[in-house]
């Protein structure tokens, strides 16, 4: 007597493959939703800060951080700027970069508590002085030229470090032109600028084709 060896039918195999496909699709969709949420968070945060900047300027006819009469007109202001019309430029540059966030918070344009301590135009600002991005690293606002494709100085909101290159690429597509060296949003040349971006000028692109995508990238909003 020979026993027939049991096996899977084609229908059973097909059902298993469908289930595996659904599971993989769900995982990939979940990852996509997480990425999109991070992108929206970064975009919303930047929009809120830019709106606060222009709102402050409209109310006080001065720039946060640079406001020379902040102590007189803003309750709880930690100090005054030099009033030269540029945040983070001049003899009081370091003081103004810290006061920028403190003036905005004290005037009620942003939430949070910031001490107004002086800080350099780098991304090493402590969280007690500067707000952090969705990846937990500090943002900086200053007059400078961190944007890779625009060598002239301008007021810049730097997104901070630790942002995956695919997130920055999607953010650029959503709010600007998708090209890291052009437009109002560019890559930060001081955050692995040559690793996060391939090419130069109008031919530049966010380098999302790496086998191990660079996760320590940063961007710059030019105001």
N, C-alpha and C. Protein backbone atom coordinates (compact mmCIF):
# COMPACT_ATOMS: atom_id res chain seq x y z
N UNK A 1 0.85 -1.19 0.00
CA UNK A 1 0.00 0.00 0.00
C UNK A 1 0.89 1.24 0.00
N UNK A 2 0.66 2.10 -0.93
CA UNK A 2 1.41 3.35 -1.00
C UNK A 2 0.49 4.50 -0.59
N UNK A 3 0.99 5.36 0.32
CA UNK A 3 0.23 6.52 0.74
C UNK A 3 0.51 7.68 -0.22
N UNK A 4 -0.57 8.35 -0.61
CA UNK A 4 -0.39 9.53 -1.47
C UNK A 4 0.10 10.69 -0.62
N UNK A 5 1.16 11.37 -1.08
CA UNK A 5 1.73 12.49 -0.33
C UNK A 5 0.86 13.73 -0.54
N UNK A 6 0.42 14.31 0.59
CA UNK A 6 -0.43 15.49 0.52
C UNK A 6 0.39 16.70 0.10
N UNK A 7 -0.20 17.62 -0.62
CA UNK A 7 0.47 18.85 -1.04
C UNK A 7 -0.54 19.97 -1.17
N UNK A 8 -0.04 21.15 -1.50
CA UNK A 8 -0.91 22.30 -1.67
C UNK A 8 -1.49 22.31 -3.08
N UNK A 9 -2.74 22.67 -3.14
CA UNK A 9 -3.35 22.81 -4.45
C UNK A 9 -3.00 24.18 -5.01
N UNK A 10 -3.21 24.37 -6.28
CA UNK A 10 -2.94 25.67 -6.90
C UNK A 10 -3.80 26.76 -6.27
N UNK A 11 -5.00 26.44 -5.90
CA UNK A 11 -5.89 27.42 -5.27
C UNK A 11 -5.32 27.86 -3.93
N UNK A 12 -4.83 26.89 -3.14
CA UNK A 12 -4.27 27.22 -1.83
C UNK A 12 -3.01 28.08 -1.97
N UNK A 13 -2.17 27.73 -2.93
CA UNK A 13 -0.97 28.52 -3.16
C UNK A 13 -1.33 29.94 -3.59
N UNK A 14 -2.33 30.05 -4.45
CA UNK A 14 -2.77 31.37 -4.90
C UNK A 14 -3.28 32.22 -3.74
N UNK A 15 -4.03 31.60 -2.83
CA UNK A 15 -4.56 32.31 -1.66
C UNK A 15 -3.42 32.82 -0.78
N UNK A 16 -2.40 31.96 -0.56
CA UNK A 16 -1.25 32.34 0.25
C UNK A 16 -0.52 33.53 -0.39
N UNK A 17 -0.33 33.47 -1.71
CA UNK A 17 0.36 34.56 -2.40
C UNK A 17 -0.42 35.86 -2.30
N UNK A 18 -1.73 35.76 -2.40
CA UNK A 18 -2.56 36.97 -2.27
C UNK A 18 -2.42 37.57 -0.88
N UNK A 19 -2.44 36.70 0.13
CA UNK A 19 -2.30 37.18 1.52
C UNK A 19 -0.94 37.85 1.72
N UNK A 20 0.13 37.23 1.21
CA UNK A 20 1.47 37.82 1.33
C UNK A 20 1.52 39.17 0.62
N UNK A 21 0.91 39.23 -0.56
CA UNK A 21 0.87 40.49 -1.31
C UNK A 21 0.15 41.58 -0.54
N UNK A 22 -0.97 41.23 0.10
CA UNK A 22 -1.72 42.20 0.87
C UNK A 22 -0.91 42.70 2.07
N UNK A 23 -0.20 41.75 2.73
CA UNK A 23 0.62 42.14 3.88
C UNK A 23 1.74 43.08 3.46
N UNK A 24 2.44 42.73 2.36
CA UNK A 24 3.52 43.60 1.88
C UNK A 24 2.98 44.96 1.45
N UNK A 25 1.83 44.94 0.78
CA UNK A 25 1.22 46.20 0.37
C UNK A 25 0.86 47.08 1.55
N UNK A 26 0.36 46.45 2.61
CA UNK A 26 0.01 47.20 3.81
C UNK A 26 1.23 47.80 4.48
N UNK A 27 2.33 47.02 4.53
CA UNK A 27 3.56 47.52 5.14
C UNK A 27 4.11 48.70 4.35
N UNK A 28 4.17 48.55 3.03
CA UNK A 28 4.69 49.63 2.18
C UNK A 28 3.80 50.86 2.27
N UNK A 29 2.49 50.64 2.29
CA UNK A 29 1.57 51.78 2.40
C UNK A 29 1.74 52.48 3.74
N UNK A 30 1.96 51.70 4.80
CA UNK A 30 2.19 52.28 6.11
C UNK A 30 3.44 53.12 6.15
N UNK A 31 4.51 52.63 5.51
CA UNK A 31 5.75 53.39 5.46
C UNK A 31 5.55 54.68 4.67
N UNK A 32 4.78 54.59 3.59
CA UNK A 32 4.51 55.79 2.77
C UNK A 32 3.72 56.81 3.58
N UNK A 33 2.76 56.34 4.37
CA UNK A 33 1.97 57.25 5.19
C UNK A 33 2.82 57.93 6.24
N UNK A 34 3.76 57.19 6.82
CA UNK A 34 4.66 57.77 7.83
C UNK A 34 5.53 58.85 7.19
N UNK A 35 6.08 58.54 6.00
CA UNK A 35 6.91 59.52 5.29
C UNK A 35 6.11 60.77 4.96
N UNK A 36 4.89 60.58 4.45
CA UNK A 36 4.05 61.73 4.11
C UNK A 36 3.71 62.57 5.34
N UNK A 37 3.53 61.90 6.47
CA UNK A 37 3.24 62.63 7.71
C UNK A 37 4.44 63.47 8.12
N UNK A 38 5.64 62.93 7.97
CA UNK A 38 6.85 63.68 8.29
C UNK A 38 7.00 64.88 7.36
N UNK A 39 6.70 64.68 6.09
CA UNK A 39 6.79 65.78 5.11
C UNK A 39 5.81 66.89 5.48
N UNK A 40 4.57 66.50 5.78
CA UNK A 40 3.56 67.50 6.17
C UNK A 40 3.97 68.24 7.43
N UNK A 41 4.56 67.50 8.38
CA UNK A 41 5.01 68.12 9.62
C UNK A 41 6.07 69.18 9.34
N UNK A 42 7.05 68.84 8.50
CA UNK A 42 8.11 69.79 8.18
C UNK A 42 7.56 71.00 7.44
N UNK A 43 6.64 70.76 6.49
CA UNK A 43 6.06 71.86 5.72
C UNK A 43 5.22 72.76 6.61
N UNK A 44 4.39 72.17 7.47
CA UNK A 44 3.54 72.96 8.36
C UNK A 44 4.37 73.78 9.34
N UNK A 45 5.43 73.17 9.86
CA UNK A 45 6.29 73.87 10.81
C UNK A 45 6.96 75.08 10.15
N UNK A 46 7.48 74.88 8.95
CA UNK A 46 8.13 75.99 8.23
C UNK A 46 7.12 77.08 7.90
N UNK A 47 5.93 76.71 7.46
CA UNK A 47 4.90 77.70 7.13
C UNK A 47 4.50 78.51 8.36
N UNK A 48 4.40 77.84 9.50
CA UNK A 48 4.03 78.53 10.74
C UNK A 48 5.11 79.53 11.15
N UNK A 49 6.37 79.14 11.01
CA UNK A 49 7.47 80.04 11.39
C UNK A 49 7.54 81.24 10.44
N UNK A 50 7.36 80.99 9.15
CA UNK A 50 7.39 82.10 8.19
C UNK A 50 6.22 83.05 8.43
N UNK A 51 5.05 82.50 8.73
CA UNK A 51 3.90 83.35 9.03
C UNK A 51 4.14 84.17 10.30
N UNK A 52 4.77 83.56 11.29
CA UNK A 52 5.09 84.28 12.53
C UNK A 52 6.09 85.40 12.26
N UNK A 53 7.07 85.13 11.43
CA UNK A 53 8.09 86.13 11.07
C UNK A 53 7.44 87.36 10.44
N UNK A 54 6.59 87.14 9.45
CA UNK A 54 5.96 88.26 8.76
C UNK A 54 4.90 88.93 9.63
N UNK A 55 4.23 88.15 10.48
CA UNK A 55 3.26 88.73 11.40
C UNK A 55 3.93 89.65 12.41
N UNK A 56 5.06 89.22 12.94
CA UNK A 56 5.82 90.04 13.88
C UNK A 56 6.26 91.33 13.20
N UNK A 57 6.78 91.20 11.99
CA UNK A 57 7.24 92.37 11.24
C UNK A 57 6.10 93.36 11.00
N UNK A 58 4.93 92.83 10.69
CA UNK A 58 3.78 93.69 10.44
C UNK A 58 3.34 94.42 11.71
N UNK A 59 3.40 93.74 12.85
CA UNK A 59 2.94 94.36 14.10
C UNK A 59 3.94 95.39 14.63
N UNK A 60 5.22 95.04 14.64
CA UNK A 60 6.21 95.89 15.31
C UNK A 60 7.06 96.73 14.35
N UNK A 61 6.88 96.52 13.04
CA UNK A 61 7.70 97.21 12.04
C UNK A 61 9.18 96.97 12.30
N UNK A 62 9.47 95.75 12.70
CA UNK A 62 10.85 95.33 12.99
C UNK A 62 10.90 93.81 12.88
N UNK A 63 12.10 93.26 12.86
CA UNK A 63 12.26 91.82 12.74
C UNK A 63 12.52 91.20 14.11
N UNK A 64 11.94 90.01 14.37
CA UNK A 64 12.22 89.34 15.64
C UNK A 64 13.70 89.04 15.75
N UNK A 65 14.23 89.23 16.92
CA UNK A 65 15.67 89.06 17.14
C UNK A 65 16.44 90.33 16.89
N UNK A 66 16.07 91.07 15.84
CA UNK A 66 16.75 92.32 15.48
C UNK A 66 16.07 93.53 16.12
N UNK A 67 14.91 93.36 16.71
CA UNK A 67 14.10 94.46 17.22
C UNK A 67 14.83 95.22 18.33
N UNK A 68 15.11 96.49 18.09
CA UNK A 68 15.91 97.28 19.03
C UNK A 68 15.10 97.77 20.23
N UNK A 69 13.76 97.69 20.17
CA UNK A 69 12.93 98.15 21.29
C UNK A 69 12.10 97.00 21.86
N UNK A 70 12.60 95.78 21.76
CA UNK A 70 11.85 94.62 22.24
C UNK A 70 11.57 94.69 23.73
N UNK A 71 12.58 95.06 24.53
CA UNK A 71 12.40 95.13 25.98
C UNK A 71 11.30 96.11 26.36
N UNK A 72 11.14 97.15 25.57
CA UNK A 72 10.16 98.18 25.87
C UNK A 72 8.75 97.76 25.47
N UNK A 73 8.61 97.04 24.36
CA UNK A 73 7.30 96.78 23.78
C UNK A 73 6.81 95.34 23.86
N UNK A 74 7.66 94.40 24.25
CA UNK A 74 7.26 92.99 24.35
C UNK A 74 7.50 92.51 25.77
N UNK A 75 6.44 92.18 26.46
CA UNK A 75 6.60 91.67 27.81
C UNK A 75 7.35 90.35 27.84
N UNK A 76 8.38 90.27 28.65
CA UNK A 76 9.16 89.05 28.76
C UNK A 76 10.27 88.92 27.75
N UNK A 77 10.50 89.95 26.92
CA UNK A 77 11.60 89.89 25.96
C UNK A 77 12.94 89.79 26.70
N UNK A 78 13.83 88.95 26.19
CA UNK A 78 15.10 88.69 26.87
C UNK A 78 16.20 89.66 26.48
N UNK A 79 15.92 90.55 25.54
CA UNK A 79 16.96 91.49 25.12
C UNK A 79 16.57 92.16 23.81
N UNK A 80 17.40 93.07 23.37
CA UNK A 80 17.16 93.80 22.13
C UNK A 80 18.18 93.44 21.06
N UNK A 81 17.77 93.58 19.80
CA UNK A 81 18.70 93.47 18.69
C UNK A 81 19.28 94.83 18.37
N UNK A 82 20.05 94.90 17.29
CA UNK A 82 20.68 96.18 16.96
C UNK A 82 19.87 97.01 15.97
N UNK A 83 18.76 96.45 15.46
CA UNK A 83 17.87 97.21 14.60
C UNK A 83 18.41 97.54 13.23
N UNK A 84 19.35 96.74 12.71
CA UNK A 84 19.92 97.04 11.39
C UNK A 84 19.14 96.40 10.25
N UNK A 85 18.00 95.75 10.56
CA UNK A 85 17.16 95.15 9.54
C UNK A 85 17.57 93.76 9.10
N UNK A 86 18.57 93.17 9.77
CA UNK A 86 19.04 91.83 9.43
C UNK A 86 19.16 91.01 10.71
N UNK A 87 18.60 89.80 10.70
CA UNK A 87 18.69 88.92 11.86
C UNK A 87 19.98 88.11 11.77
N UNK A 88 20.85 88.28 12.74
CA UNK A 88 22.09 87.50 12.74
C UNK A 88 23.16 88.07 11.84
N UNK A 89 23.22 89.39 11.74
CA UNK A 89 24.26 90.03 10.94
C UNK A 89 24.72 91.28 11.67
N UNK A 90 26.03 91.40 11.85
CA UNK A 90 26.56 92.55 12.57
C UNK A 90 27.18 92.15 13.89
N UNK A 91 27.46 93.14 14.72
CA UNK A 91 28.16 92.89 15.99
C UNK A 91 27.35 92.03 16.94
N UNK A 92 26.02 92.11 16.86
CA UNK A 92 25.17 91.34 17.77
C UNK A 92 24.55 90.12 17.09
N UNK A 93 25.24 89.59 16.07
CA UNK A 93 24.69 88.49 15.26
C UNK A 93 24.30 87.28 16.10
N UNK A 94 25.21 86.81 16.95
CA UNK A 94 24.93 85.61 17.75
C UNK A 94 23.76 85.84 18.70
N UNK A 95 23.71 87.02 19.30
CA UNK A 95 22.61 87.33 20.22
C UNK A 95 21.28 87.34 19.48
N UNK A 96 21.25 87.89 18.27
CA UNK A 96 19.99 88.01 17.54
C UNK A 96 19.44 86.65 17.11
N UNK A 97 20.32 85.69 16.79
CA UNK A 97 19.83 84.37 16.38
C UNK A 97 19.08 83.69 17.52
N UNK A 98 19.55 83.87 18.73
CA UNK A 98 18.84 83.32 19.89
C UNK A 98 17.60 84.12 20.22
N UNK A 99 17.70 85.44 20.14
CA UNK A 99 16.56 86.30 20.46
C UNK A 99 15.43 86.14 19.46
N UNK A 100 15.75 85.72 18.24
CA UNK A 100 14.73 85.54 17.21
C UNK A 100 13.58 84.69 17.72
N UNK A 101 13.90 83.51 18.26
CA UNK A 101 12.86 82.59 18.73
C UNK A 101 12.22 83.11 20.01
N UNK A 102 13.01 83.72 20.86
CA UNK A 102 12.47 84.22 22.12
C UNK A 102 11.50 85.38 21.89
N UNK A 103 11.83 86.27 20.96
CA UNK A 103 10.92 87.38 20.64
C UNK A 103 9.60 86.86 20.07
N UNK A 104 9.68 85.89 19.16
CA UNK A 104 8.45 85.34 18.57
C UNK A 104 7.56 84.70 19.62
N UNK A 105 8.18 83.93 20.54
CA UNK A 105 7.40 83.26 21.58
C UNK A 105 6.83 84.27 22.58
N UNK A 106 7.65 85.24 22.99
CA UNK A 106 7.20 86.23 23.96
C UNK A 106 6.06 87.08 23.40
N UNK A 107 6.07 87.31 22.09
CA UNK A 107 5.03 88.11 21.44
C UNK A 107 3.80 87.27 21.09
N UNK A 108 3.87 85.95 21.32
CA UNK A 108 2.73 85.08 21.09
C UNK A 108 2.57 84.57 19.67
N UNK A 109 3.63 84.69 18.87
CA UNK A 109 3.52 84.24 17.48
C UNK A 109 3.86 82.76 17.32
N UNK A 110 4.60 82.18 18.24
CA UNK A 110 4.88 80.75 18.23
C UNK A 110 4.72 80.23 19.66
N UNK A 111 4.51 78.94 19.78
CA UNK A 111 4.41 78.32 21.10
C UNK A 111 5.79 77.85 21.54
N UNK A 112 5.94 77.62 22.81
CA UNK A 112 7.21 77.13 23.33
C UNK A 112 7.87 78.18 24.20
N UNK A 113 8.88 77.75 24.91
CA UNK A 113 9.64 78.63 25.79
C UNK A 113 11.11 78.58 25.39
N UNK A 114 11.66 79.72 25.03
CA UNK A 114 13.05 79.79 24.56
C UNK A 114 13.79 80.87 25.35
N UNK A 115 15.05 80.56 25.70
CA UNK A 115 15.77 81.43 26.62
C UNK A 115 16.45 82.63 25.96
N UNK A 116 16.51 82.66 24.63
CA UNK A 116 17.12 83.81 23.96
C UNK A 116 18.63 83.86 24.05
N UNK A 117 19.26 82.75 24.42
CA UNK A 117 20.72 82.73 24.54
C UNK A 117 21.38 82.88 23.17
N UNK A 118 22.54 83.49 23.15
CA UNK A 118 23.28 83.69 21.90
C UNK A 118 23.67 82.35 21.29
N UNK A 119 23.63 82.28 19.97
CA UNK A 119 24.02 81.05 19.28
C UNK A 119 24.63 81.38 17.93
N UNK A 120 25.55 80.57 17.47
CA UNK A 120 26.19 80.80 16.19
C UNK A 120 25.31 80.36 15.04
N UNK A 121 25.74 80.66 13.82
CA UNK A 121 24.98 80.26 12.64
C UNK A 121 25.38 78.84 12.23
N UNK A 122 25.14 77.94 13.15
CA UNK A 122 25.38 76.51 12.91
C UNK A 122 24.15 75.77 13.39
N UNK A 123 24.12 74.47 13.20
CA UNK A 123 22.97 73.69 13.63
C UNK A 123 23.21 73.00 14.96
N UNK A 124 24.04 73.64 15.80
CA UNK A 124 24.33 73.10 17.12
C UNK A 124 23.58 73.84 18.21
N UNK A 125 22.57 74.60 17.84
CA UNK A 125 21.79 75.36 18.81
C UNK A 125 21.06 74.42 19.76
N UNK A 126 21.11 74.65 21.08
CA UNK A 126 20.40 73.77 22.02
C UNK A 126 18.90 73.96 21.93
N UNK A 127 18.14 72.94 22.32
CA UNK A 127 16.68 72.99 22.22
C UNK A 127 16.07 74.00 23.18
N UNK A 128 16.84 74.46 24.17
CA UNK A 128 16.34 75.50 25.07
C UNK A 128 16.33 76.87 24.38
N UNK A 129 17.07 76.97 23.26
CA UNK A 129 17.18 78.24 22.54
C UNK A 129 16.45 78.21 21.21
N UNK A 130 16.52 77.07 20.49
CA UNK A 130 15.92 76.95 19.16
C UNK A 130 14.94 75.78 19.14
N UNK A 131 13.88 75.86 18.35
CA UNK A 131 12.95 74.73 18.21
C UNK A 131 13.59 73.60 17.43
N UNK A 132 13.03 72.41 17.54
CA UNK A 132 13.57 71.25 16.83
C UNK A 132 12.61 70.81 15.73
N UNK A 133 13.16 70.12 14.73
CA UNK A 133 12.34 69.60 13.63
C UNK A 133 11.71 68.27 14.02
N UNK A 134 11.03 67.63 13.08
CA UNK A 134 10.34 66.37 13.36
C UNK A 134 11.29 65.23 13.71
N UNK A 135 12.58 65.42 13.46
CA UNK A 135 13.58 64.39 13.74
C UNK A 135 14.41 64.73 14.98
N UNK A 136 13.98 65.76 15.70
CA UNK A 136 14.59 66.07 16.99
C UNK A 136 15.86 66.88 16.93
N UNK A 137 16.17 67.50 15.81
CA UNK A 137 17.38 68.31 15.73
C UNK A 137 17.01 69.79 15.55
N UNK A 138 17.86 70.72 16.04
CA UNK A 138 17.49 72.13 16.07
C UNK A 138 17.45 72.81 14.71
N UNK A 139 16.53 73.76 14.60
CA UNK A 139 16.42 74.62 13.44
C UNK A 139 17.11 75.96 13.75
N UNK A 140 17.51 76.68 12.71
CA UNK A 140 18.18 77.97 12.92
C UNK A 140 17.63 78.96 11.91
N UNK A 141 17.42 80.19 12.36
CA UNK A 141 17.04 81.29 11.46
C UNK A 141 18.14 82.34 11.51
N UNK A 142 18.61 82.75 10.34
CA UNK A 142 19.69 83.74 10.31
C UNK A 142 19.87 84.32 8.92
N UNK A 143 20.53 85.46 8.86
CA UNK A 143 21.02 86.00 7.60
C UNK A 143 22.27 85.22 7.22
N UNK A 144 22.26 84.59 6.06
CA UNK A 144 23.42 83.78 5.68
C UNK A 144 23.29 83.26 4.27
N UNK A 145 24.16 82.31 3.92
CA UNK A 145 24.16 81.73 2.57
C UNK A 145 24.39 80.24 2.64
N UNK A 146 23.57 79.54 3.43
CA UNK A 146 23.68 78.09 3.55
C UNK A 146 23.04 77.37 2.37
N UNK A 147 22.13 78.05 1.66
CA UNK A 147 21.48 77.45 0.49
C UNK A 147 22.52 77.16 -0.58
N UNK A 148 22.56 75.92 -1.05
CA UNK A 148 23.64 75.47 -1.93
C UNK A 148 23.65 76.16 -3.28
N UNK A 149 22.48 76.50 -3.81
CA UNK A 149 22.43 77.05 -5.17
C UNK A 149 22.35 78.55 -5.24
N UNK A 150 22.31 79.22 -4.09
CA UNK A 150 22.19 80.67 -4.06
C UNK A 150 23.30 81.25 -3.19
N UNK A 151 24.44 81.64 -3.78
CA UNK A 151 25.57 82.10 -2.98
C UNK A 151 25.34 83.42 -2.27
N UNK A 152 24.40 84.25 -2.76
CA UNK A 152 24.17 85.53 -2.09
C UNK A 152 23.48 85.31 -0.75
N UNK A 153 23.74 86.19 0.21
CA UNK A 153 23.15 86.07 1.53
C UNK A 153 21.68 86.45 1.51
N UNK A 154 20.91 85.83 2.39
CA UNK A 154 19.48 86.11 2.53
C UNK A 154 19.04 85.64 3.91
N UNK A 155 17.85 86.01 4.31
CA UNK A 155 17.29 85.44 5.53
C UNK A 155 16.90 84.00 5.23
N UNK A 156 17.40 83.08 6.04
CA UNK A 156 17.20 81.65 5.79
C UNK A 156 16.68 80.95 7.04
N UNK A 157 15.73 80.06 6.83
CA UNK A 157 15.27 79.14 7.86
C UNK A 157 15.84 77.78 7.53
N UNK A 158 16.79 77.31 8.33
CA UNK A 158 17.44 76.02 8.09
C UNK A 158 16.67 74.92 8.83
N UNK A 159 16.35 73.85 8.11
CA UNK A 159 15.49 72.81 8.67
C UNK A 159 16.14 72.00 9.77
N UNK A 160 17.46 72.01 9.85
CA UNK A 160 18.15 71.15 10.80
C UNK A 160 18.60 69.86 10.16
N UNK A 161 19.29 69.03 10.92
CA UNK A 161 19.89 67.79 10.41
C UNK A 161 18.96 66.59 10.56
N UNK A 162 19.53 65.43 10.19
CA UNK A 162 18.90 64.12 10.41
C UNK A 162 17.65 63.87 9.57
N UNK A 163 17.46 64.63 8.50
CA UNK A 163 16.28 64.43 7.66
C UNK A 163 16.65 63.51 6.49
N UNK A 164 15.95 62.41 6.29
CA UNK A 164 16.24 61.52 5.17
C UNK A 164 16.10 62.24 3.83
N UNK A 165 16.94 61.87 2.89
CA UNK A 165 16.96 62.57 1.61
C UNK A 165 15.64 62.41 0.86
N UNK A 166 14.96 61.26 1.01
CA UNK A 166 13.69 61.09 0.30
C UNK A 166 12.60 61.99 0.86
N UNK A 167 12.69 62.30 2.15
CA UNK A 167 11.73 63.21 2.77
C UNK A 167 11.96 64.63 2.26
N UNK A 168 13.23 65.04 2.17
CA UNK A 168 13.53 66.37 1.64
C UNK A 168 13.12 66.49 0.18
N UNK A 169 13.32 65.43 -0.58
CA UNK A 169 12.93 65.45 -1.99
C UNK A 169 11.43 65.64 -2.13
N UNK A 170 10.65 64.93 -1.32
CA UNK A 170 9.19 65.07 -1.38
C UNK A 170 8.76 66.45 -0.89
N UNK A 171 9.42 66.94 0.15
CA UNK A 171 9.11 68.28 0.65
C UNK A 171 9.36 69.33 -0.42
N UNK A 172 10.48 69.20 -1.12
CA UNK A 172 10.82 70.15 -2.19
C UNK A 172 9.78 70.11 -3.31
N UNK A 173 9.32 68.90 -3.65
CA UNK A 173 8.29 68.78 -4.70
C UNK A 173 6.97 69.41 -4.26
N UNK A 174 6.66 69.30 -2.98
CA UNK A 174 5.37 69.80 -2.50
C UNK A 174 5.35 71.32 -2.38
N UNK A 175 6.45 71.92 -1.95
CA UNK A 175 6.42 73.36 -1.66
C UNK A 175 7.19 74.20 -2.65
N UNK A 176 8.01 73.55 -3.52
CA UNK A 176 8.83 74.34 -4.44
C UNK A 176 8.92 73.62 -5.78
N UNK A 177 10.13 73.59 -6.36
CA UNK A 177 10.29 73.07 -7.73
C UNK A 177 10.90 71.68 -7.80
N UNK A 178 11.25 71.09 -6.65
CA UNK A 178 11.82 69.75 -6.64
C UNK A 178 13.29 69.67 -6.99
N UNK A 179 13.92 70.82 -7.25
CA UNK A 179 15.34 70.86 -7.63
C UNK A 179 16.13 71.45 -6.46
N UNK A 180 17.11 70.73 -5.91
CA UNK A 180 17.77 71.17 -4.68
C UNK A 180 18.66 72.40 -4.79
N UNK A 181 19.02 72.83 -6.00
CA UNK A 181 19.89 74.00 -6.15
C UNK A 181 19.15 75.23 -6.67
N UNK A 182 17.83 75.15 -6.81
CA UNK A 182 17.08 76.29 -7.32
C UNK A 182 15.82 76.51 -6.49
N UNK A 183 15.23 77.69 -6.62
CA UNK A 183 13.97 77.97 -5.98
C UNK A 183 14.09 78.49 -4.56
N UNK A 184 12.94 78.53 -3.88
CA UNK A 184 12.87 79.06 -2.53
C UNK A 184 13.20 78.03 -1.46
N UNK A 185 13.32 76.75 -1.87
CA UNK A 185 13.76 75.70 -0.94
C UNK A 185 14.91 74.95 -1.59
N UNK A 186 16.05 74.92 -0.90
CA UNK A 186 17.25 74.27 -1.45
C UNK A 186 17.89 73.40 -0.39
N UNK A 187 18.87 72.60 -0.82
CA UNK A 187 19.57 71.79 0.17
C UNK A 187 20.57 72.65 0.95
N UNK A 188 20.81 72.27 2.17
CA UNK A 188 21.78 72.95 3.03
C UNK A 188 23.16 72.42 2.70
N UNK A 189 24.01 73.28 2.14
CA UNK A 189 25.32 72.82 1.70
C UNK A 189 26.24 72.42 2.84
N UNK A 190 25.89 72.78 4.07
CA UNK A 190 26.73 72.43 5.21
C UNK A 190 26.27 71.17 5.92
N UNK A 191 25.27 70.47 5.35
CA UNK A 191 24.79 69.21 5.93
C UNK A 191 24.94 68.12 4.87
N UNK A 192 26.13 67.57 4.76
CA UNK A 192 26.41 66.52 3.77
C UNK A 192 25.93 66.93 2.38
N UNK A 193 26.19 68.19 2.02
CA UNK A 193 25.68 68.72 0.77
C UNK A 193 26.04 67.92 -0.46
N UNK A 194 27.24 67.35 -0.50
CA UNK A 194 27.66 66.59 -1.68
C UNK A 194 27.22 65.14 -1.62
N UNK A 195 26.67 64.69 -0.50
CA UNK A 195 26.20 63.30 -0.38
C UNK A 195 24.70 63.20 -0.57
N UNK A 196 23.98 64.25 -0.22
CA UNK A 196 22.53 64.22 -0.31
C UNK A 196 22.02 64.64 -1.68
N UNK A 197 22.89 65.29 -2.45
CA UNK A 197 22.50 65.83 -3.75
C UNK A 197 23.51 65.41 -4.80
N UNK A 198 23.00 65.07 -5.99
CA UNK A 198 23.86 64.76 -7.13
C UNK A 198 23.68 65.85 -8.19
N UNK A 199 24.78 66.22 -8.86
CA UNK A 199 24.71 67.24 -9.89
C UNK A 199 24.75 68.64 -9.32
N UNK A 200 24.73 69.64 -10.20
CA UNK A 200 24.78 71.03 -9.78
C UNK A 200 23.77 71.86 -10.57
N UNK A 201 23.47 73.04 -10.02
CA UNK A 201 22.61 73.98 -10.71
C UNK A 201 21.23 73.40 -11.02
N UNK A 202 20.73 73.74 -12.21
CA UNK A 202 19.40 73.26 -12.60
C UNK A 202 19.39 71.75 -12.88
N UNK A 203 20.57 71.15 -13.00
CA UNK A 203 20.66 69.69 -13.22
C UNK A 203 20.81 68.91 -11.92
N UNK A 204 20.78 69.59 -10.80
CA UNK A 204 20.94 68.91 -9.52
C UNK A 204 19.67 68.12 -9.19
N UNK A 205 19.83 67.10 -8.37
CA UNK A 205 18.69 66.28 -7.93
C UNK A 205 18.98 65.71 -6.56
N UNK A 206 17.93 65.51 -5.80
CA UNK A 206 18.08 64.84 -4.50
C UNK A 206 18.48 63.39 -4.77
N UNK A 207 19.54 62.94 -4.15
CA UNK A 207 20.10 61.62 -4.46
C UNK A 207 19.38 60.53 -3.66
N UNK A 208 18.21 60.13 -4.17
CA UNK A 208 17.41 59.10 -3.50
C UNK A 208 17.68 57.71 -4.06
N UNK A 209 18.67 57.58 -4.94
CA UNK A 209 18.94 56.29 -5.57
C UNK A 209 20.00 55.48 -4.83
N UNK A 210 20.50 55.99 -3.74
CA UNK A 210 21.53 55.26 -3.00
C UNK A 210 20.95 53.96 -2.44
N UNK A 211 21.80 52.93 -2.37
CA UNK A 211 21.36 51.68 -1.76
C UNK A 211 21.04 51.90 -0.28
N UNK A 212 21.82 52.78 0.37
CA UNK A 212 21.59 53.15 1.76
C UNK A 212 21.40 54.66 1.80
N UNK A 213 20.17 55.15 1.57
CA UNK A 213 19.94 56.59 1.44
C UNK A 213 20.48 57.39 2.62
N UNK A 214 21.12 58.49 2.29
CA UNK A 214 21.69 59.35 3.32
C UNK A 214 20.58 59.90 4.23
N UNK A 215 20.72 59.72 5.54
CA UNK A 215 19.67 60.15 6.46
C UNK A 215 20.05 61.43 7.19
N UNK A 216 21.24 61.95 6.95
CA UNK A 216 21.65 63.17 7.63
C UNK A 216 21.75 64.31 6.61
N UNK A 217 20.57 64.74 6.15
CA UNK A 217 20.51 65.83 5.19
C UNK A 217 19.76 67.00 5.79
N UNK A 218 19.80 68.14 5.13
CA UNK A 218 19.10 69.31 5.61
C UNK A 218 18.71 70.23 4.48
N UNK A 219 17.73 71.07 4.72
CA UNK A 219 17.26 72.00 3.69
C UNK A 219 17.25 73.43 4.21
N UNK A 220 17.02 74.35 3.29
CA UNK A 220 17.01 75.78 3.61
C UNK A 220 15.81 76.44 2.94
N UNK A 221 14.98 77.10 3.73
CA UNK A 221 13.91 77.93 3.20
C UNK A 221 14.46 79.35 3.06
N UNK A 222 14.40 79.91 1.86
CA UNK A 222 14.89 81.26 1.63
C UNK A 222 13.72 82.22 1.68
N UNK A 223 13.79 83.21 2.58
CA UNK A 223 12.71 84.15 2.70
C UNK A 223 12.97 85.40 1.84
